[in-house]
Amino acid sequence: RQDLALMLASPASILFAARHADFGDEIIGLATLILYRVPTGLRGYIED
């Protein structure tokens, strides 16, 4: 629970979730976008 809260609070981590009507209100998918800056510019990376 603590790691999840820390991830959601991080400006670098953007978590997306999905629901599908066939599964009611249950979250049935996740994906994380990481955005971070380095000397050569803004980078984006998709995880999990």
ModelCIF file with pLDDT and N, C-alpha, C, O atoms, coordinates in Angstrom:
data_MODEL
#
_entry.id   MODEL 
#
_entity.id                         1 
_entity.type                       polymer 
_entity.pdbx_number_of_molecules   1 
#
_entity_poly.entity_id                      1 
_entity_poly.type                           'polypeptide(L)' 
_entity_poly.nstd_linkage                   no 
_entity_poly.nstd_monomer                   no 
_entity_poly.pdbx_seq_one_letter_code       RQDLALMLASPASILFAARHADFGDEIIGLATLILYRVPTGLRGYIED 
_entity_poly.pdbx_seq_one_letter_code_can   RQDLALMLASPASILFAARHADFGDEIIGLATLILYRVPTGLRGYIED 
_entity_poly.pdbx_strand_id                 A 
#
loop_
_entity_poly_seq.entity_id 
_entity_poly_seq.num 
_entity_poly_seq.mon_id 
_entity_poly_seq.hetero 
1 1  ARG n 
1 2  GLN n 
1 3  ASP n 
1 4  LEU n 
1 5  ALA n 
1 6  LEU n 
1 7  MET n 
1 8  LEU n 
1 9  ALA n 
1 10 SER n 
1 11 PRO n 
1 12 ALA n 
1 13 SER n 
1 14 ILE n 
1 15 LEU n 
1 16 PHE n 
1 17 ALA n 
1 18 ALA n 
1 19 ARG n 
1 20 HIS n 
1 21 ALA n 
1 22 ASP n 
1 23 PHE n 
1 24 GLY n 
1 25 ASP n 
1 26 GLU n 
1 27 ILE n 
1 28 ILE n 
1 29 GLY n 
1 30 LEU n 
1 31 ALA n 
1 32 THR n 
1 33 LEU n 
1 34 ILE n 
1 35 LEU n 
1 36 TYR n 
1 37 ARG n 
1 38 VAL n 
1 39 PRO n 
1 40 THR n 
1 41 GLY n 
1 42 LEU n 
1 43 ARG n 
1 44 GLY n 
1 45 TYR n 
1 46 ILE n 
1 47 GLU n 
1 48 ASP n 
#
_struct_asym.id          A 
_struct_asym.entity_id   1 
#
loop_
_ma_qa_metric.id 
_ma_qa_metric.mode 
_ma_qa_metric.name 
_ma_qa_metric.software_group_id 
_ma_qa_metric.type 
1 global pLDDT . pLDDT 
2 local  pLDDT . pLDDT 
#
_ma_qa_metric_global.metric_id      1 
_ma_qa_metric_global.metric_value   96.71 
_ma_qa_metric_global.model_id       1 
_ma_qa_metric_global.ordinal_id     1 
#
loop_
_ma_qa_metric_local.label_asym_id 
_ma_qa_metric_local.label_comp_id 
_ma_qa_metric_local.label_seq_id 
_ma_qa_metric_local.metric_id 
_ma_qa_metric_local.metric_value 
_ma_qa_metric_local.model_id 
_ma_qa_metric_local.ordinal_id 
A ARG 1  2 97.00 1 1  
A GLN 2  2 98.00 1 2  
A ASP 3  2 97.00 1 3  
A LEU 4  2 98.00 1 4  
A ALA 5  2 98.00 1 5  
A LEU 6  2 98.00 1 6  
A MET 7  2 97.00 1 7  
A LEU 8  2 98.00 1 8  
A ALA 9  2 97.00 1 9  
A SER 10 2 97.00 1 10 
A PRO 11 2 96.00 1 11 
A ALA 12 2 97.00 1 12 
A SER 13 2 98.00 1 13 
A ILE 14 2 98.00 1 14 
A LEU 15 2 98.00 1 15 
A PHE 16 2 98.00 1 16 
A ALA 17 2 98.00 1 17 
A ALA 18 2 98.00 1 18 
A ARG 19 2 97.00 1 19 
A HIS 20 2 96.00 1 20 
A ALA 21 2 95.00 1 21 
A ASP 22 2 94.00 1 22 
A PHE 23 2 95.00 1 23 
A GLY 24 2 91.00 1 24 
A ASP 25 2 89.00 1 25 
A GLU 26 2 95.00 1 26 
A ILE 27 2 98.00 1 27 
A ILE 28 2 97.00 1 28 
A GLY 29 2 98.00 1 29 
A LEU 30 2 98.00 1 30 
A ALA 31 2 98.00 1 31 
A THR 32 2 98.00 1 32 
A LEU 33 2 98.00 1 33 
A ILE 34 2 98.00 1 34 
A LEU 35 2 98.00 1 35 
A TYR 36 2 97.00 1 36 
A ARG 37 2 96.00 1 37 
A VAL 38 2 95.00 1 38 
A PRO 39 2 96.00 1 39 
A THR 40 2 94.00 1 40 
A GLY 41 2 95.00 1 41 
A LEU 42 2 97.00 1 42 
A ARG 43 2 96.00 1 43 
A GLY 44 2 97.00 1 44 
A TYR 45 2 98.00 1 45 
A ILE 46 2 98.00 1 46 
A GLU 47 2 97.00 1 47 
A ASP 48 2 97.00 1 48 
#
loop_
_atom_site.group_PDB 
_atom_site.id 
_atom_site.type_symbol 
_atom_site.label_atom_id 
_atom_site.label_alt_id 
_atom_site.label_comp_id 
_atom_site.label_asym_id 
_atom_site.label_entity_id 
_atom_site.label_seq_id 
_atom_site.pdbx_PDB_ins_code 
_atom_site.Cartn_x 
_atom_site.Cartn_y 
_atom_site.Cartn_z 
_atom_site.occupancy 
_atom_site.B_iso_or_equiv 
_atom_site.pdbx_formal_charge 
_atom_site.auth_seq_id 
_atom_site.auth_comp_id 
_atom_site.auth_asym_id 
_atom_site.auth_atom_id 
_atom_site.pdbx_PDB_model_num 
ATOM 1   N N  . ARG A 1 1  ? 0.840   -1.201 0.000   1.00 97.00 ? 1  ARG A N  1 
ATOM 2   C CA . ARG A 1 1  ? 0.000   0.000  0.000   1.00 97.00 ? 1  ARG A CA 1 
ATOM 3   C C  . ARG A 1 1  ? 0.877   1.253  0.000   1.00 97.00 ? 1  ARG A C  1 
ATOM 4   O O  . ARG A 1 1  ? 0.586   2.226  -0.696  1.00 97.00 ? 1  ARG A O  1 
ATOM 5   N N  . GLN A 1 2  ? 1.947   1.217  0.784   1.00 98.00 ? 2  GLN A N  1 
ATOM 6   C CA . GLN A 1 2  ? 2.855   2.364  0.853   1.00 98.00 ? 2  GLN A CA 1 
ATOM 7   C C  . GLN A 1 2  ? 3.556   2.596  -0.491  1.00 98.00 ? 2  GLN A C  1 
ATOM 8   O O  . GLN A 1 2  ? 3.656   3.738  -0.940  1.00 98.00 ? 2  GLN A O  1 
ATOM 9   N N  . ASP A 1 3  ? 4.041   1.528  -1.138  1.00 97.00 ? 3  ASP A N  1 
ATOM 10  C CA . ASP A 1 3  ? 4.703   1.675  -2.436  1.00 97.00 ? 3  ASP A CA 1 
ATOM 11  C C  . ASP A 1 3  ? 3.743   2.208  -3.493  1.00 97.00 ? 3  ASP A C  1 
ATOM 12  O O  . ASP A 1 3  ? 4.128   3.026  -4.329  1.00 97.00 ? 3  ASP A O  1 
ATOM 13  N N  . LEU A 1 4  ? 2.506   1.750  -3.457  1.00 98.00 ? 4  LEU A N  1 
ATOM 14  C CA . LEU A 1 4  ? 1.503   2.236  -4.400  1.00 98.00 ? 4  LEU A CA 1 
ATOM 15  C C  . LEU A 1 4  ? 1.262   3.729  -4.188  1.00 98.00 ? 4  LEU A C  1 
ATOM 16  O O  . LEU A 1 4  ? 1.192   4.490  -5.153  1.00 98.00 ? 4  LEU A O  1 
ATOM 17  N N  . ALA A 1 5  ? 1.135   4.148  -2.935  1.00 98.00 ? 5  ALA A N  1 
ATOM 18  C CA . ALA A 1 5  ? 0.922   5.570  -2.634  1.00 98.00 ? 5  ALA A CA 1 
ATOM 19  C C  . ALA A 1 5  ? 2.118   6.406  -3.080  1.00 98.00 ? 5  ALA A C  1 
ATOM 20  O O  . ALA A 1 5  ? 1.941   7.497  -3.622  1.00 98.00 ? 5  ALA A O  1 
ATOM 21  N N  . LEU A 1 6  ? 3.327   5.910  -2.861  1.00 98.00 ? 6  LEU A N  1 
ATOM 22  C CA . LEU A 1 6  ? 4.516   6.640  -3.285  1.00 98.00 ? 6  LEU A CA 1 
ATOM 23  C C  . LEU A 1 6  ? 4.581   6.764  -4.805  1.00 98.00 ? 6  LEU A C  1 
ATOM 24  O O  . LEU A 1 6  ? 4.940   7.819  -5.327  1.00 98.00 ? 6  LEU A O  1 
ATOM 25  N N  . MET A 1 7  ? 4.240   5.704  -5.508  1.00 97.00 ? 7  MET A N  1 
ATOM 26  C CA . MET A 1 7  ? 4.251   5.741  -6.965  1.00 97.00 ? 7  MET A CA 1 
ATOM 27  C C  . MET A 1 7  ? 3.233   6.764  -7.474  1.00 97.00 ? 7  MET A C  1 
ATOM 28  O O  . MET A 1 7  ? 3.546   7.568  -8.352  1.00 97.00 ? 7  MET A O  1 
ATOM 29  N N  . LEU A 1 8  ? 2.031   6.735  -6.930  1.00 98.00 ? 8  LEU A N  1 
ATOM 30  C CA . LEU A 1 8  ? 0.983   7.657  -7.369  1.00 98.00 ? 8  LEU A CA 1 
ATOM 31  C C  . LEU A 1 8  ? 1.325   9.103  -7.033  1.00 98.00 ? 8  LEU A C  1 
ATOM 32  O O  . LEU A 1 8  ? 0.887   10.020 -7.728  1.00 98.00 ? 8  LEU A O  1 
ATOM 33  N N  . ALA A 1 9  ? 2.100   9.316  -5.981  1.00 97.00 ? 9  ALA A N  1 
ATOM 34  C CA . ALA A 1 9  ? 2.492   10.670 -5.584  1.00 97.00 ? 9  ALA A CA 1 
ATOM 35  C C  . ALA A 1 9  ? 3.665   11.195 -6.410  1.00 97.00 ? 9  ALA A C  1 
ATOM 36  O O  . ALA A 1 9  ? 3.909   12.401 -6.433  1.00 97.00 ? 9  ALA A O  1 
ATOM 37  N N  . SER A 1 10 ? 4.378   10.324 -7.072  1.00 97.00 ? 10 SER A N  1 
ATOM 38  C CA . SER A 1 10 ? 5.546   10.732 -7.855  1.00 97.00 ? 10 SER A CA 1 
ATOM 39  C C  . SER A 1 10 ? 5.119   11.449 -9.135  1.00 97.00 ? 10 SER A C  1 
ATOM 40  O O  . SER A 1 10 ? 4.278   10.938 -9.875  1.00 97.00 ? 10 SER A O  1 
ATOM 41  N N  . PRO A 1 11 ? 5.689   12.626 -9.404  1.00 96.00 ? 11 PRO A N  1 
ATOM 42  C CA . PRO A 1 11 ? 5.353   13.308 -10.654 1.00 96.00 ? 11 PRO A CA 1 
ATOM 43  C C  . PRO A 1 11 ? 5.903   12.589 -11.893 1.00 96.00 ? 11 PRO A C  1 
ATOM 44  O O  . PRO A 1 11 ? 5.492   12.888 -13.015 1.00 96.00 ? 11 PRO A O  1 
ATOM 45  N N  . ALA A 1 12 ? 6.816   11.656 -11.697 1.00 97.00 ? 12 ALA A N  1 
ATOM 46  C CA . ALA A 1 12 ? 7.415   10.926 -12.825 1.00 97.00 ? 12 ALA A CA 1 
ATOM 47  C C  . ALA A 1 12 ? 6.577   9.727  -13.257 1.00 97.00 ? 12 ALA A C  1 
ATOM 48  O O  . ALA A 1 12 ? 6.729   9.256  -14.385 1.00 97.00 ? 12 ALA A O  1 
ATOM 49  N N  . SER A 1 13 ? 5.704   9.224  -12.402 1.00 98.00 ? 13 SER A N  1 
ATOM 50  C CA . SER A 1 13 ? 4.927   8.014  -12.691 1.00 98.00 ? 13 SER A CA 1 
ATOM 51  C C  . SER A 1 13 ? 3.464   8.356  -12.914 1.00 98.00 ? 13 SER A C  1 
ATOM 52  O O  . SER A 1 13 ? 2.823   8.974  -12.064 1.00 98.00 ? 13 SER A O  1 
ATOM 53  N N  . ILE A 1 14 ? 2.949   7.954  -14.053 1.00 98.00 ? 14 ILE A N  1 
ATOM 54  C CA . ILE A 1 14 ? 1.541   8.164  -14.364 1.00 98.00 ? 14 ILE A CA 1 
ATOM 55  C C  . ILE A 1 14 ? 0.918   6.793  -14.589 1.00 98.00 ? 14 ILE A C  1 
ATOM 56  O O  . ILE A 1 14 ? 1.274   6.094  -15.538 1.00 98.00 ? 14 ILE A O  1 
ATOM 57  N N  . LEU A 1 15 ? 0.002   6.414  -13.731 1.00 98.00 ? 15 LEU A N  1 
ATOM 58  C CA . LEU A 1 15 ? -0.627  5.097  -13.802 1.00 98.00 ? 15 LEU A CA 1 
ATOM 59  C C  . LEU A 1 15 ? -1.996  5.214  -14.470 1.00 98.00 ? 15 LEU A C  1 
ATOM 60  O O  . LEU A 1 15 ? -2.829  6.031  -14.078 1.00 98.00 ? 15 LEU A O  1 
ATOM 61  N N  . PHE A 1 16 ? -2.207  4.380  -15.487 1.00 98.00 ? 16 PHE A N  1 
ATOM 62  C CA . PHE A 1 16 ? -3.501  4.286  -16.143 1.00 98.00 ? 16 PHE A CA 1 
ATOM 63  C C  . PHE A 1 16 ? -4.127  2.945  -15.795 1.00 98.00 ? 16 PHE A C  1 
ATOM 64  O O  . PHE A 1 16 ? -3.432  1.936  -15.673 1.00 98.00 ? 16 PHE A O  1 
ATOM 65  N N  . ALA A 1 17 ? -5.436  2.943  -15.639 1.00 98.00 ? 17 ALA A N  1 
ATOM 66  C CA . ALA A 1 17 ? -6.176  1.726  -15.325 1.00 98.00 ? 17 ALA A CA 1 
ATOM 67  C C  . ALA A 1 17 ? -7.333  1.594  -16.310 1.00 98.00 ? 17 ALA A C  1 
ATOM 68  O O  . ALA A 1 17 ? -7.782  2.573  -16.907 1.00 98.00 ? 17 ALA A O  1 
ATOM 69  N N  . ALA A 1 18 ? -7.800  0.362  -16.463 1.00 98.00 ? 18 ALA A N  1 
ATOM 70  C CA . ALA A 1 18 ? -8.898  0.101  -17.405 1.00 98.00 ? 18 ALA A CA 1 
ATOM 71  C C  . ALA A 1 18 ? -9.978  -0.731 -16.729 1.00 98.00 ? 18 ALA A C  1 
ATOM 72  O O  . ALA A 1 18 ? -9.719  -1.597 -15.893 1.00 98.00 ? 18 ALA A O  1 
ATOM 73  N N  . ARG A 1 19 ? -11.201 -0.418 -17.138 1.00 97.00 ? 19 ARG A N  1 
ATOM 74  C CA . ARG A 1 19 ? -12.365 -1.222 -16.766 1.00 97.00 ? 19 ARG A CA 1 
ATOM 75  C C  . ARG A 1 19 ? -13.073 -1.607 -18.060 1.00 97.00 ? 19 ARG A C  1 
ATOM 76  O O  . ARG A 1 19 ? -13.021 -0.883 -19.054 1.00 97.00 ? 19 ARG A O  1 
ATOM 77  N N  . HIS A 1 20 ? -13.733 -2.758 -18.027 1.00 96.00 ? 20 HIS A N  1 
ATOM 78  C CA . HIS A 1 20 ? -14.544 -3.192 -19.164 1.00 96.00 ? 20 HIS A CA 1 
ATOM 79  C C  . HIS A 1 20 ? -15.892 -3.616 -18.601 1.00 96.00 ? 20 HIS A C  1 
ATOM 80  O O  . HIS A 1 20 ? -15.962 -4.297 -17.579 1.00 96.00 ? 20 HIS A O  1 
ATOM 81  N N  . ALA A 1 21 ? -16.957 -3.209 -19.274 1.00 95.00 ? 21 ALA A N  1 
ATOM 82  C CA . ALA A 1 21 ? -18.308 -3.478 -18.783 1.00 95.00 ? 21 ALA A CA 1 
ATOM 83  C C  . ALA A 1 21 ? -18.560 -4.960 -18.524 1.00 95.00 ? 21 ALA A C  1 
ATOM 84  O O  . ALA A 1 21 ? -19.347 -5.305 -17.643 1.00 95.00 ? 21 ALA A O  1 
ATOM 85  N N  . ASP A 1 22 ? -17.909 -5.832 -19.271 1.00 94.00 ? 22 ASP A N  1 
ATOM 86  C CA . ASP A 1 22 ? -18.099 -7.269 -19.051 1.00 94.00 ? 22 ASP A CA 1 
ATOM 87  C C  . ASP A 1 22 ? -17.587 -7.733 -17.696 1.00 94.00 ? 22 ASP A C  1 
ATOM 88  O O  . ASP A 1 22 ? -17.894 -8.845 -17.267 1.00 94.00 ? 22 ASP A O  1 
ATOM 89  N N  . PHE A 1 23 ? -16.803 -6.887 -17.011 1.00 95.00 ? 23 PHE A N  1 
ATOM 90  C CA . PHE A 1 23 ? -16.231 -7.245 -15.721 1.00 95.00 ? 23 PHE A CA 1 
ATOM 91  C C  . PHE A 1 23 ? -16.694 -6.305 -14.621 1.00 95.00 ? 23 PHE A C  1 
ATOM 92  O O  . PHE A 1 23 ? -16.048 -6.200 -13.579 1.00 95.00 ? 23 PHE A O  1 
ATOM 93  N N  . GLY A 1 24 ? -17.804 -5.624 -14.845 1.00 91.00 ? 24 GLY A N  1 
ATOM 94  C CA . GLY A 1 24 ? -18.367 -4.720 -13.844 1.00 91.00 ? 24 GLY A CA 1 
ATOM 95  C C  . GLY A 1 24 ? -17.435 -3.557 -13.579 1.00 91.00 ? 24 GLY A C  1 
ATOM 96  O O  . GLY A 1 24 ? -16.874 -2.974 -14.506 1.00 91.00 ? 24 GLY A O  1 
ATOM 97  N N  . ASP A 1 25 ? -17.274 -3.225 -12.319 1.00 89.00 ? 25 ASP A N  1 
ATOM 98  C CA . ASP A 1 25 ? -16.417 -2.101 -11.933 1.00 89.00 ? 25 ASP A CA 1 
ATOM 99  C C  . ASP A 1 25 ? -14.979 -2.524 -11.671 1.00 89.00 ? 25 ASP A C  1 
ATOM 100 O O  . ASP A 1 25 ? -14.157 -1.694 -11.284 1.00 89.00 ? 25 ASP A O  1 
ATOM 101 N N  . GLU A 1 26 ? -14.665 -3.780 -11.870 1.00 95.00 ? 26 GLU A N  1 
ATOM 102 C CA . GLU A 1 26 ? -13.336 -4.305 -11.571 1.00 95.00 ? 26 GLU A CA 1 
ATOM 103 C C  . GLU A 1 26 ? -12.281 -3.713 -12.508 1.00 95.00 ? 26 GLU A C  1 
ATOM 104 O O  . GLU A 1 26 ? -12.492 -3.640 -13.719 1.00 95.00 ? 26 GLU A O  1 
ATOM 105 N N  . ILE A 1 27 ? -11.159 -3.298 -11.950 1.00 98.00 ? 27 ILE A N  1 
ATOM 106 C CA . ILE A 1 27 ? -10.030 -2.857 -12.763 1.00 98.00 ? 27 ILE A CA 1 
ATOM 107 C C  . ILE A 1 27 ? -9.412  -4.102 -13.389 1.00 98.00 ? 27 ILE A C  1 
ATOM 108 O O  . ILE A 1 27 ? -9.007  -5.024 -12.680 1.00 98.00 ? 27 ILE A O  1 
ATOM 109 N N  . ILE A 1 28 ? -9.341  -4.127 -14.714 1.00 97.00 ? 28 ILE A N  1 
ATOM 110 C CA . ILE A 1 28 ? -8.854  -5.324 -15.409 1.00 97.00 ? 28 ILE A CA 1 
ATOM 111 C C  . ILE A 1 28 ? -7.586  -5.060 -16.221 1.00 97.00 ? 28 ILE A C  1 
ATOM 112 O O  . ILE A 1 28 ? -7.136  -5.924 -16.973 1.00 97.00 ? 28 ILE A O  1 
ATOM 113 N N  . GLY A 1 29 ? -7.013  -3.867 -16.068 1.00 98.00 ? 29 GLY A N  1 
ATOM 114 C CA . GLY A 1 29 ? -5.762  -3.577 -16.759 1.00 98.00 ? 29 GLY A CA 1 
ATOM 115 C C  . GLY A 1 29 ? -5.065  -2.377 -16.165 1.00 98.00 ? 29 GLY A C  1 
ATOM 116 O O  . GLY A 1 29 ? -5.697  -1.478 -15.612 1.00 98.00 ? 29 GLY A O  1 
ATOM 117 N N  . LEU A 1 30 ? -3.729  -2.379 -16.289 1.00 98.00 ? 30 LEU A N  1 
ATOM 118 C CA . LEU A 1 30 ? -2.897  -1.288 -15.789 1.00 98.00 ? 30 LEU A CA 1 
ATOM 119 C C  . LEU A 1 30 ? -1.764  -1.024 -16.761 1.00 98.00 ? 30 LEU A C  1 
ATOM 120 O O  . LEU A 1 30 ? -1.335  -1.927 -17.479 1.00 98.00 ? 30 LEU A O  1 
ATOM 121 N N  . ALA A 1 31 ? -1.282  0.192  -16.788 1.00 98.00 ? 31 ALA A N  1 
ATOM 122 C CA . ALA A 1 31 ? -0.073  0.551  -17.528 1.00 98.00 ? 31 ALA A CA 1 
ATOM 123 C C  . ALA A 1 31 ? 0.508   1.798  -16.880 1.00 98.00 ? 31 ALA A C  1 
ATOM 124 O O  . ALA A 1 31 ? -0.230  2.665  -16.412 1.00 98.00 ? 31 ALA A O  1 
ATOM 125 N N  . THR A 1 32 ? 1.828   1.885  -16.853 1.00 98.00 ? 32 THR A N  1 
ATOM 126 C CA . THR A 1 32 ? 2.499   3.021  -16.239 1.00 98.00 ? 32 THR A CA 1 
ATOM 127 C C  . THR A 1 32 ? 3.356   3.740  -17.265 1.00 98.00 ? 32 THR A C  1 
ATOM 128 O O  . THR A 1 32 ? 4.142   3.118  -17.980 1.00 98.00 ? 32 THR A O  1 
ATOM 129 N N  . LEU A 1 33 ? 3.203   5.036  -17.332 1.00 98.00 ? 33 LEU A N  1 
ATOM 130 C CA . LEU A 1 33 ? 4.062   5.894  -18.135 1.00 98.00 ? 33 LEU A CA 1 
ATOM 131 C C  . LEU A 1 33 ? 5.025   6.590  -17.194 1.00 98.00 ? 33 LEU A C  1 
ATOM 132 O O  . LEU A 1 33 ? 4.614   7.163  -16.185 1.00 98.00 ? 33 LEU A O  1 
ATOM 133 N N  . ILE A 1 34 ? 6.300   6.541  -17.523 1.00 98.00 ? 34 ILE A N  1 
ATOM 134 C CA . ILE A 1 34 ? 7.321   7.240  -16.762 1.00 98.00 ? 34 ILE A CA 1 
ATOM 135 C C  . ILE A 1 34 ? 7.808   8.394  -17.622 1.00 98.00 ? 34 ILE A C  1 
ATOM 136 O O  . ILE A 1 34 ? 8.206   8.187  -18.769 1.00 98.00 ? 34 ILE A O  1 
ATOM 137 N N  . LEU A 1 35 ? 7.781   9.602  -17.086 1.00 98.00 ? 35 LEU A N  1 
ATOM 138 C CA . LEU A 1 35 ? 8.320   10.776 -17.765 1.00 98.00 ? 35 LEU A CA 1 
ATOM 139 C C  . LEU A 1 35 ? 9.433   11.350 -16.900 1.00 98.00 ? 35 LEU A C  1 
ATOM 140 O O  . LEU A 1 35 ? 9.238   11.605 -15.712 1.00 98.00 ? 35 LEU A O  1 
ATOM 141 N N  . TYR A 1 36 ? 10.608  11.552 -17.505 1.00 97.00 ? 36 TYR A N  1 
ATOM 142 C CA . TYR A 1 36 ? 11.736  12.081 -16.758 1.00 97.00 ? 36 TYR A CA 1 
ATOM 143 C C  . TYR A 1 36 ? 12.632  12.905 -17.674 1.00 97.00 ? 36 TYR A C  1 
ATOM 144 O O  . TYR A 1 36 ? 12.670  12.692 -18.886 1.00 97.00 ? 36 TYR A O  1 
ATOM 145 N N  . ARG A 1 37 ? 13.335  13.831 -17.086 1.00 96.00 ? 37 ARG A N  1 
ATOM 146 C CA . ARG A 1 37 ? 14.216  14.713 -17.844 1.00 96.00 ? 37 ARG A CA 1 
ATOM 147 C C  . ARG A 1 37 ? 15.673  14.321 -17.631 1.00 96.00 ? 37 ARG A C  1 
ATOM 148 O O  . ARG A 1 37 ? 16.107  14.014 -16.521 1.00 96.00 ? 37 ARG A O  1 
ATOM 149 N N  . VAL A 1 38 ? 16.402  14.343 -18.728 1.00 95.00 ? 38 VAL A N  1 
ATOM 150 C CA . VAL A 1 38 ? 17.848  14.108 -18.741 1.00 95.00 ? 38 VAL A CA 1 
ATOM 151 C C  . VAL A 1 38 ? 18.465  15.252 -19.555 1.00 95.00 ? 38 VAL A C  1 
ATOM 152 O O  . VAL A 1 38 ? 17.731  16.008 -20.192 1.00 95.00 ? 38 VAL A O  1 
ATOM 153 N N  . PRO A 1 39 ? 19.786  15.393 -19.548 1.00 96.00 ? 39 PRO A N  1 
ATOM 154 C CA . PRO A 1 39 ? 20.398  16.509 -20.285 1.00 96.00 ? 39 PRO A CA 1 
ATOM 155 C C  . PRO A 1 39 ? 20.007  16.571 -21.765 1.00 96.00 ? 39 PRO A C  1 
ATOM 156 O O  . PRO A 1 39 ? 20.032  17.647 -22.364 1.00 96.00 ? 39 PRO A O  1 
ATOM 157 N N  . THR A 1 40 ? 19.651  15.446 -22.351 1.00 94.00 ? 40 THR A N  1 
ATOM 158 C CA . THR A 1 40 ? 19.292  15.447 -23.772 1.00 94.00 ? 40 THR A CA 1 
ATOM 159 C C  . THR A 1 40 ? 17.786  15.598 -24.015 1.00 94.00 ? 40 THR A C  1 
ATOM 160 O O  . THR A 1 40 ? 17.333  15.501 -25.155 1.00 94.00 ? 40 THR A O  1 
ATOM 161 N N  . GLY A 1 41 ? 17.017  15.832 -22.967 1.00 95.00 ? 41 GLY A N  1 
ATOM 162 C CA . GLY A 1 41 ? 15.601  16.112 -23.159 1.00 95.00 ? 41 GLY A CA 1 
ATOM 163 C C  . GLY A 1 41 ? 14.671  15.262 -22.326 1.00 95.00 ? 41 GLY A C  1 
ATOM 164 O O  . GLY A 1 41 ? 15.094  14.508 -21.450 1.00 95.00 ? 41 GLY A O  1 
ATOM 165 N N  . LEU A 1 42 ? 13.394  15.406 -22.621 1.00 97.00 ? 42 LEU A N  1 
ATOM 166 C CA . LEU A 1 42 ? 12.338  14.675 -21.927 1.00 97.00 ? 42 LEU A CA 1 
ATOM 167 C C  . LEU A 1 42 ? 12.249  13.258 -22.485 1.00 97.00 ? 42 LEU A C  1 
ATOM 168 O O  . LEU A 1 42 ? 12.238  13.069 -23.702 1.00 97.00 ? 42 LEU A O  1 
ATOM 169 N N  . ARG A 1 43 ? 12.186  12.290 -21.628 1.00 96.00 ? 43 ARG A N  1 
ATOM 170 C CA . ARG A 1 43 ? 12.071  10.891 -22.022 1.00 96.00 ? 43 ARG A CA 1 
ATOM 171 C C  . ARG A 1 43 ? 10.751  10.327 -21.513 1.00 96.00 ? 43 ARG A C  1 
ATOM 172 O O  . ARG A 1 43 ? 10.269  10.688 -20.439 1.00 96.00 ? 43 ARG A O  1 
ATOM 173 N N  . GLY A 1 44 ? 10.190  9.444  -22.304 1.00 97.00 ? 44 GLY A N  1 
ATOM 174 C CA . GLY A 1 44 ? 8.993   8.720  -21.903 1.00 97.00 ? 44 GLY A CA 1 
ATOM 175 C C  . GLY A 1 44 ? 9.262   7.230  -21.997 1.00 97.00 ? 44 GLY A C  1 
ATOM 176 O O  . GLY A 1 44 ? 9.926   6.765  -22.924 1.00 97.00 ? 44 GLY A O  1 
ATOM 177 N N  . TYR A 1 45 ? 8.745   6.490  -21.039 1.00 98.00 ? 45 TYR A N  1 
ATOM 178 C CA . TYR A 1 45 ? 8.939   5.050  -21.020 1.00 98.00 ? 45 TYR A CA 1 
ATOM 179 C C  . TYR A 1 45 ? 7.680   4.400  -20.471 1.00 98.00 ? 45 TYR A C  1 
ATOM 180 O O  . TYR A 1 45 ? 7.130   4.850  -19.465 1.00 98.00 ? 45 TYR A O  1 
ATOM 181 N N  . ILE A 1 46 ? 7.227   3.350  -21.126 1.00 98.00 ? 46 ILE A N  1 
ATOM 182 C CA . ILE A 1 46 ? 6.043   2.627  -20.666 1.00 98.00 ? 46 ILE A CA 1 
ATOM 183 C C  . ILE A 1 46 ? 6.504   1.359  -19.949 1.00 98.00 ? 46 ILE A C  1 
ATOM 184 O O  . ILE A 1 46 ? 7.350   0.618  -20.449 1.00 98.00 ? 46 ILE A O  1 
ATOM 185 N N  . GLU A 1 47 ? 5.939   1.131  -18.790 1.00 97.00 ? 47 GLU A N  1 
ATOM 186 C CA . GLU A 1 47 ? 6.277   -0.035 -17.970 1.00 97.00 ? 47 GLU A CA 1 
ATOM 187 C C  . GLU A 1 47 ? 5.009   -0.769 -17.544 1.00 97.00 ? 47 GLU A C  1 
ATOM 188 O O  . GLU A 1 47 ? 3.940   -0.172 -17.419 1.00 97.00 ? 47 GLU A O  1 
ATOM 189 N N  . ASP A 1 48 ? 5.145   -2.036 -17.329 1.00 97.00 ? 48 ASP A N  1 
ATOM 190 C CA . ASP A 1 48 ? 4.124   -2.849 -16.667 1.00 97.00 ? 48 ASP A CA 1 
ATOM 191 C C  . ASP A 1 48 ? 2.725   -2.710 -17.267 1.00 97.00 ? 48 ASP A C  1 
ATOM 192 O O  . ASP A 1 48 ? 1.784   -3.347 -16.793 1.00 97.00 ? 48 ASP A O  1 
#
